[in-house]
Amino acid sequence: MKSVTYVCTSSSRKIDGRLDESTAWFEFHQVAHLFDMSLEQAAKLLRQAGVTGDIEAAKDVRASDRCKCLLSHRAVVAVGYQVNYGRATAFRHWCASGLAVLFR
């Protein structure tokens, strides 16, 4: 798996992920840090994203040996839109441009 790093232009917060086929995976606690929220708030928003159909838990959330939970880039966007639209939009644009190049 390839490694990838996203650095938020507005906050300079970064999250490290791994590419797996056509998905980038990020650790749950890093996603909470990116959007400046508690783990509890992030978990609540993740559940809401699943209930509303913004994500599919079976496809967008997975367990890892290294950490308890990984989120796909789609789940990161879904959680981010609920708490910080600007940062989520910037992340989505990065996914559309930066990840597209890496997946080729």
N, C-alpha and C. Protein backbone atom coordinates (compact mmCIF):
# COMPACT_ATOMS: atom_id res chain seq x y z
N MET A 1 0.83 -1.19 0.00
CA MET A 1 0.00 0.00 0.00
C MET A 1 0.87 1.25 0.00
N LYS A 2 0.45 2.22 -0.77
CA LYS A 2 1.15 3.51 -0.81
C LYS A 2 0.68 4.37 0.35
N SER A 3 1.58 5.23 0.83
CA SER A 3 1.21 6.20 1.86
C SER A 3 0.87 7.51 1.19
N VAL A 4 0.01 8.27 1.86
CA VAL A 4 -0.40 9.57 1.36
C VAL A 4 -0.59 10.50 2.56
N THR A 5 -0.30 11.77 2.37
CA THR A 5 -0.48 12.76 3.44
C THR A 5 -1.29 13.92 2.92
N TYR A 6 -2.28 14.31 3.69
CA TYR A 6 -3.08 15.50 3.38
C TYR A 6 -2.75 16.57 4.41
N VAL A 7 -2.47 17.79 3.94
CA VAL A 7 -2.23 18.94 4.82
C VAL A 7 -3.29 19.98 4.52
N CYS A 8 -4.06 20.33 5.54
CA CYS A 8 -5.12 21.32 5.40
C CYS A 8 -4.50 22.70 5.19
N THR A 9 -4.91 23.39 4.16
CA THR A 9 -4.34 24.71 3.87
C THR A 9 -4.77 25.77 4.87
N SER A 10 -5.93 25.62 5.49
CA SER A 10 -6.38 26.65 6.43
C SER A 10 -5.87 26.44 7.85
N SER A 11 -5.66 25.19 8.25
CA SER A 11 -5.25 24.94 9.64
C SER A 11 -3.85 24.33 9.76
N SER A 12 -3.27 23.90 8.66
CA SER A 12 -1.98 23.20 8.62
C SER A 12 -2.00 21.84 9.33
N ARG A 13 -3.18 21.38 9.70
CA ARG A 13 -3.27 20.04 10.30
C ARG A 13 -3.09 19.01 9.20
N LYS A 14 -2.45 17.90 9.55
CA LYS A 14 -2.22 16.89 8.53
C LYS A 14 -2.73 15.54 9.01
N ILE A 15 -3.10 14.73 8.04
CA ILE A 15 -3.47 13.36 8.31
C ILE A 15 -2.75 12.46 7.31
N ASP A 16 -2.30 11.34 7.81
CA ASP A 16 -1.59 10.37 6.98
C ASP A 16 -2.53 9.22 6.68
N GLY A 17 -2.48 8.75 5.46
CA GLY A 17 -3.33 7.65 5.07
C GLY A 17 -2.61 6.65 4.20
N ARG A 18 -3.35 5.64 3.81
CA ARG A 18 -2.83 4.60 2.94
C ARG A 18 -3.80 4.39 1.79
N LEU A 19 -3.24 4.17 0.62
CA LEU A 19 -4.05 3.91 -0.57
C LEU A 19 -4.22 2.41 -0.75
N ASP A 20 -5.46 2.02 -1.01
CA ASP A 20 -5.80 0.62 -1.20
C ASP A 20 -6.75 0.55 -2.38
N GLU A 21 -6.28 0.12 -3.53
CA GLU A 21 -7.06 0.10 -4.77
C GLU A 21 -7.56 1.50 -5.09
N SER A 22 -8.85 1.76 -4.95
CA SER A 22 -9.37 3.08 -5.31
C SER A 22 -9.85 3.87 -4.08
N THR A 23 -9.31 3.54 -2.91
CA THR A 23 -9.74 4.18 -1.68
C THR A 23 -8.53 4.61 -0.86
N ALA A 24 -8.63 5.79 -0.27
CA ALA A 24 -7.63 6.24 0.69
C ALA A 24 -8.23 6.03 2.08
N TRP A 25 -7.44 5.50 3.01
CA TRP A 25 -7.90 5.20 4.36
C TRP A 25 -7.13 6.04 5.37
N PHE A 26 -7.88 6.61 6.32
CA PHE A 26 -7.30 7.48 7.34
C PHE A 26 -7.75 7.05 8.73
N GLU A 27 -6.87 7.19 9.71
CA GLU A 27 -7.20 6.81 11.08
C GLU A 27 -8.26 7.76 11.64
N PHE A 28 -9.21 7.18 12.34
CA PHE A 28 -10.35 7.91 12.88
C PHE A 28 -9.91 9.09 13.76
N HIS A 29 -8.94 8.86 14.64
CA HIS A 29 -8.53 9.95 15.55
C HIS A 29 -7.88 11.11 14.78
N GLN A 30 -7.22 10.83 13.66
CA GLN A 30 -6.64 11.90 12.85
C GLN A 30 -7.73 12.72 12.16
N VAL A 31 -8.80 12.06 11.76
CA VAL A 31 -9.93 12.76 11.13
C VAL A 31 -10.56 13.71 12.14
N ALA A 32 -10.74 13.24 13.37
CA ALA A 32 -11.29 14.11 14.42
C ALA A 32 -10.37 15.32 14.62
N HIS A 33 -9.08 15.10 14.62
CA HIS A 33 -8.11 16.20 14.78
C HIS A 33 -8.19 17.17 13.60
N LEU A 34 -8.31 16.64 12.39
CA LEU A 34 -8.38 17.50 11.21
C LEU A 34 -9.54 18.48 11.31
N PHE A 35 -10.67 18.00 11.79
CA PHE A 35 -11.86 18.85 11.86
C PHE A 35 -12.05 19.46 13.25
N ASP A 36 -11.04 19.33 14.11
CA ASP A 36 -11.03 19.98 15.43
C ASP A 36 -12.25 19.61 16.26
N MET A 37 -12.44 18.30 16.44
CA MET A 37 -13.57 17.83 17.25
C MET A 37 -13.13 16.67 18.12
N SER A 38 -13.91 16.37 19.14
CA SER A 38 -13.61 15.25 20.03
C SER A 38 -13.90 13.94 19.31
N LEU A 39 -13.33 12.86 19.84
CA LEU A 39 -13.60 11.54 19.27
C LEU A 39 -15.08 11.19 19.41
N GLU A 40 -15.67 11.60 20.51
CA GLU A 40 -17.10 11.32 20.73
C GLU A 40 -17.96 12.03 19.68
N GLN A 41 -17.65 13.29 19.43
CA GLN A 41 -18.41 14.05 18.42
C GLN A 41 -18.21 13.43 17.04
N ALA A 42 -16.98 13.04 16.73
CA ALA A 42 -16.69 12.43 15.43
C ALA A 42 -17.44 11.11 15.28
N ALA A 43 -17.51 10.32 16.35
CA ALA A 43 -18.24 9.04 16.30
C ALA A 43 -19.72 9.29 16.06
N LYS A 44 -20.27 10.29 16.71
CA LYS A 44 -21.69 10.62 16.52
C LYS A 44 -21.97 11.03 15.08
N LEU A 45 -21.10 11.86 14.52
CA LEU A 45 -21.28 12.31 13.14
C LEU A 45 -21.09 11.16 12.15
N LEU A 46 -20.19 10.25 12.46
CA LEU A 46 -19.99 9.08 11.60
C LEU A 46 -21.25 8.21 11.60
N ARG A 47 -21.83 8.01 12.78
CA ARG A 47 -23.09 7.24 12.84
C ARG A 47 -24.19 7.94 12.04
N GLN A 48 -24.29 9.25 12.17
CA GLN A 48 -25.30 10.01 11.42
C GLN A 48 -25.10 9.86 9.91
N ALA A 49 -23.84 9.89 9.48
CA ALA A 49 -23.55 9.73 8.05
C ALA A 49 -23.99 8.36 7.55
N GLY A 50 -23.89 7.36 8.39
CA GLY A 50 -24.35 6.03 8.03
C GLY A 50 -25.87 5.95 7.96
N VAL A 51 -26.54 6.58 8.93
CA VAL A 51 -28.00 6.57 8.98
C VAL A 51 -28.59 7.31 7.77
N THR A 52 -27.99 8.42 7.40
CA THR A 52 -28.52 9.22 6.28
C THR A 52 -28.14 8.65 4.92
N GLY A 53 -27.26 7.65 4.90
CA GLY A 53 -26.87 7.04 3.64
C GLY A 53 -25.72 7.75 2.94
N ASP A 54 -25.09 8.70 3.63
CA ASP A 54 -23.93 9.39 3.04
C ASP A 54 -22.75 8.46 2.88
N ILE A 55 -22.67 7.45 3.74
CA ILE A 55 -21.62 6.43 3.63
C ILE A 55 -22.26 5.06 3.81
N GLU A 56 -21.52 4.04 3.40
CA GLU A 56 -21.91 2.65 3.65
C GLU A 56 -20.87 2.09 4.60
N ALA A 57 -21.29 1.80 5.83
CA ALA A 57 -20.35 1.35 6.85
C ALA A 57 -19.50 0.17 6.38
N ALA A 58 -20.11 -0.76 5.68
CA ALA A 58 -19.37 -1.94 5.21
C ALA A 58 -18.25 -1.58 4.23
N LYS A 59 -18.42 -0.49 3.50
CA LYS A 59 -17.43 -0.09 2.50
C LYS A 59 -16.52 1.04 2.98
N ASP A 60 -16.99 1.87 3.91
CA ASP A 60 -16.27 3.10 4.25
C ASP A 60 -15.66 3.13 5.65
N VAL A 61 -15.86 2.07 6.43
CA VAL A 61 -15.29 2.00 7.78
C VAL A 61 -14.69 0.61 7.93
N ARG A 62 -13.48 0.54 8.47
CA ARG A 62 -12.86 -0.76 8.69
C ARG A 62 -11.99 -0.73 9.94
N ALA A 63 -11.77 -1.89 10.49
CA ALA A 63 -10.90 -2.05 11.65
C ALA A 63 -9.48 -2.27 11.16
N SER A 64 -8.53 -1.95 12.03
CA SER A 64 -7.13 -2.12 11.68
C SER A 64 -6.39 -2.68 12.89
N ASP A 65 -5.30 -3.40 12.63
CA ASP A 65 -4.47 -3.90 13.73
C ASP A 65 -3.81 -2.76 14.48
N ARG A 66 -3.42 -1.73 13.73
CA ARG A 66 -2.67 -0.62 14.30
C ARG A 66 -3.55 0.35 15.08
N CYS A 67 -4.75 0.57 14.61
CA CYS A 67 -5.66 1.47 15.31
C CYS A 67 -7.04 0.84 15.31
N LYS A 68 -7.94 1.41 16.03
CA LYS A 68 -9.26 0.80 16.17
C LYS A 68 -10.12 0.99 14.93
N CYS A 69 -9.97 2.11 14.22
CA CYS A 69 -10.91 2.40 13.15
C CYS A 69 -10.24 3.21 12.04
N LEU A 70 -10.51 2.80 10.81
CA LEU A 70 -10.07 3.54 9.64
C LEU A 70 -11.29 4.01 8.87
N LEU A 71 -11.20 5.22 8.32
CA LEU A 71 -12.28 5.77 7.52
C LEU A 71 -11.80 5.97 6.09
N SER A 72 -12.66 5.66 5.14
CA SER A 72 -12.33 5.94 3.74
C SER A 72 -12.38 7.44 3.51
N HIS A 73 -11.80 7.87 2.40
CA HIS A 73 -11.84 9.30 2.10
C HIS A 73 -13.28 9.78 1.94
N ARG A 74 -14.18 8.92 1.49
CA ARG A 74 -15.61 9.28 1.39
C ARG A 74 -16.20 9.54 2.77
N ALA A 75 -15.84 8.73 3.76
CA ALA A 75 -16.33 8.91 5.12
C ALA A 75 -15.74 10.18 5.74
N VAL A 76 -14.49 10.49 5.43
CA VAL A 76 -13.88 11.72 5.94
C VAL A 76 -14.67 12.93 5.45
N VAL A 77 -15.01 12.93 4.18
CA VAL A 77 -15.79 14.04 3.62
C VAL A 77 -17.16 14.11 4.28
N ALA A 78 -17.83 12.98 4.44
CA ALA A 78 -19.17 12.95 5.03
C ALA A 78 -19.16 13.49 6.45
N VAL A 79 -18.18 13.09 7.25
CA VAL A 79 -18.08 13.60 8.62
C VAL A 79 -17.72 15.08 8.60
N GLY A 80 -16.79 15.45 7.76
CA GLY A 80 -16.33 16.84 7.70
C GLY A 80 -17.42 17.82 7.31
N TYR A 81 -18.26 17.43 6.37
CA TYR A 81 -19.33 18.34 5.93
C TYR A 81 -20.29 18.68 7.07
N GLN A 82 -20.42 17.78 8.04
CA GLN A 82 -21.34 18.02 9.13
C GLN A 82 -20.78 18.97 10.19
N VAL A 83 -19.46 19.18 10.19
CA VAL A 83 -18.87 20.01 11.23
C VAL A 83 -18.09 21.21 10.69
N ASN A 84 -17.44 21.08 9.55
CA ASN A 84 -16.64 22.16 9.01
C ASN A 84 -16.66 22.07 7.49
N TYR A 85 -17.65 22.68 6.90
CA TYR A 85 -17.88 22.58 5.46
C TYR A 85 -16.65 23.02 4.66
N GLY A 86 -16.01 24.09 5.08
CA GLY A 86 -14.84 24.61 4.34
C GLY A 86 -13.70 23.62 4.30
N ARG A 87 -13.34 23.06 5.45
CA ARG A 87 -12.24 22.09 5.48
C ARG A 87 -12.63 20.82 4.72
N ALA A 88 -13.88 20.41 4.83
CA ALA A 88 -14.32 19.21 4.12
C ALA A 88 -14.28 19.42 2.61
N THR A 89 -14.67 20.61 2.17
CA THR A 89 -14.63 20.92 0.74
C THR A 89 -13.20 20.90 0.24
N ALA A 90 -12.28 21.48 1.00
CA ALA A 90 -10.87 21.48 0.60
C ALA A 90 -10.33 20.05 0.52
N PHE A 91 -10.71 19.21 1.49
CA PHE A 91 -10.28 17.81 1.47
C PHE A 91 -10.85 17.09 0.26
N ARG A 92 -12.14 17.34 -0.04
CA ARG A 92 -12.78 16.71 -1.21
C ARG A 92 -12.07 17.11 -2.50
N HIS A 93 -11.70 18.39 -2.62
CA HIS A 93 -10.98 18.85 -3.82
C HIS A 93 -9.63 18.17 -3.92
N TRP A 94 -8.95 18.03 -2.79
CA TRP A 94 -7.66 17.33 -2.78
C TRP A 94 -7.84 15.88 -3.23
N CYS A 95 -8.90 15.23 -2.75
CA CYS A 95 -9.17 13.86 -3.16
C CYS A 95 -9.40 13.78 -4.67
N ALA A 96 -10.18 14.71 -5.19
CA ALA A 96 -10.52 14.70 -6.62
C ALA A 96 -9.29 14.93 -7.48
N SER A 97 -8.37 15.77 -7.04
CA SER A 97 -7.20 16.06 -7.87
C SER A 97 -6.00 15.22 -7.47
N GLY A 98 -5.59 15.27 -6.21
CA GLY A 98 -4.39 14.59 -5.75
C GLY A 98 -4.50 13.07 -5.77
N LEU A 99 -5.59 12.54 -5.30
CA LEU A 99 -5.74 11.09 -5.27
C LEU A 99 -5.95 10.51 -6.66
N ALA A 100 -6.62 11.25 -7.52
CA ALA A 100 -6.84 10.78 -8.88
C ALA A 100 -5.52 10.46 -9.56
N VAL A 101 -4.53 11.31 -9.33
CA VAL A 101 -3.21 11.10 -9.93
C VAL A 101 -2.54 9.85 -9.33
N LEU A 102 -2.68 9.67 -8.02
CA LEU A 102 -2.04 8.53 -7.36
C LEU A 102 -2.68 7.20 -7.71
N PHE A 103 -3.97 7.20 -8.01
CA PHE A 103 -4.66 5.96 -8.33
C PHE A 103 -4.40 5.48 -9.75
N ARG A 104 -3.80 6.29 -10.58
CA ARG A 104 -3.54 5.89 -11.97
C ARG A 104 -2.51 4.83 -12.04
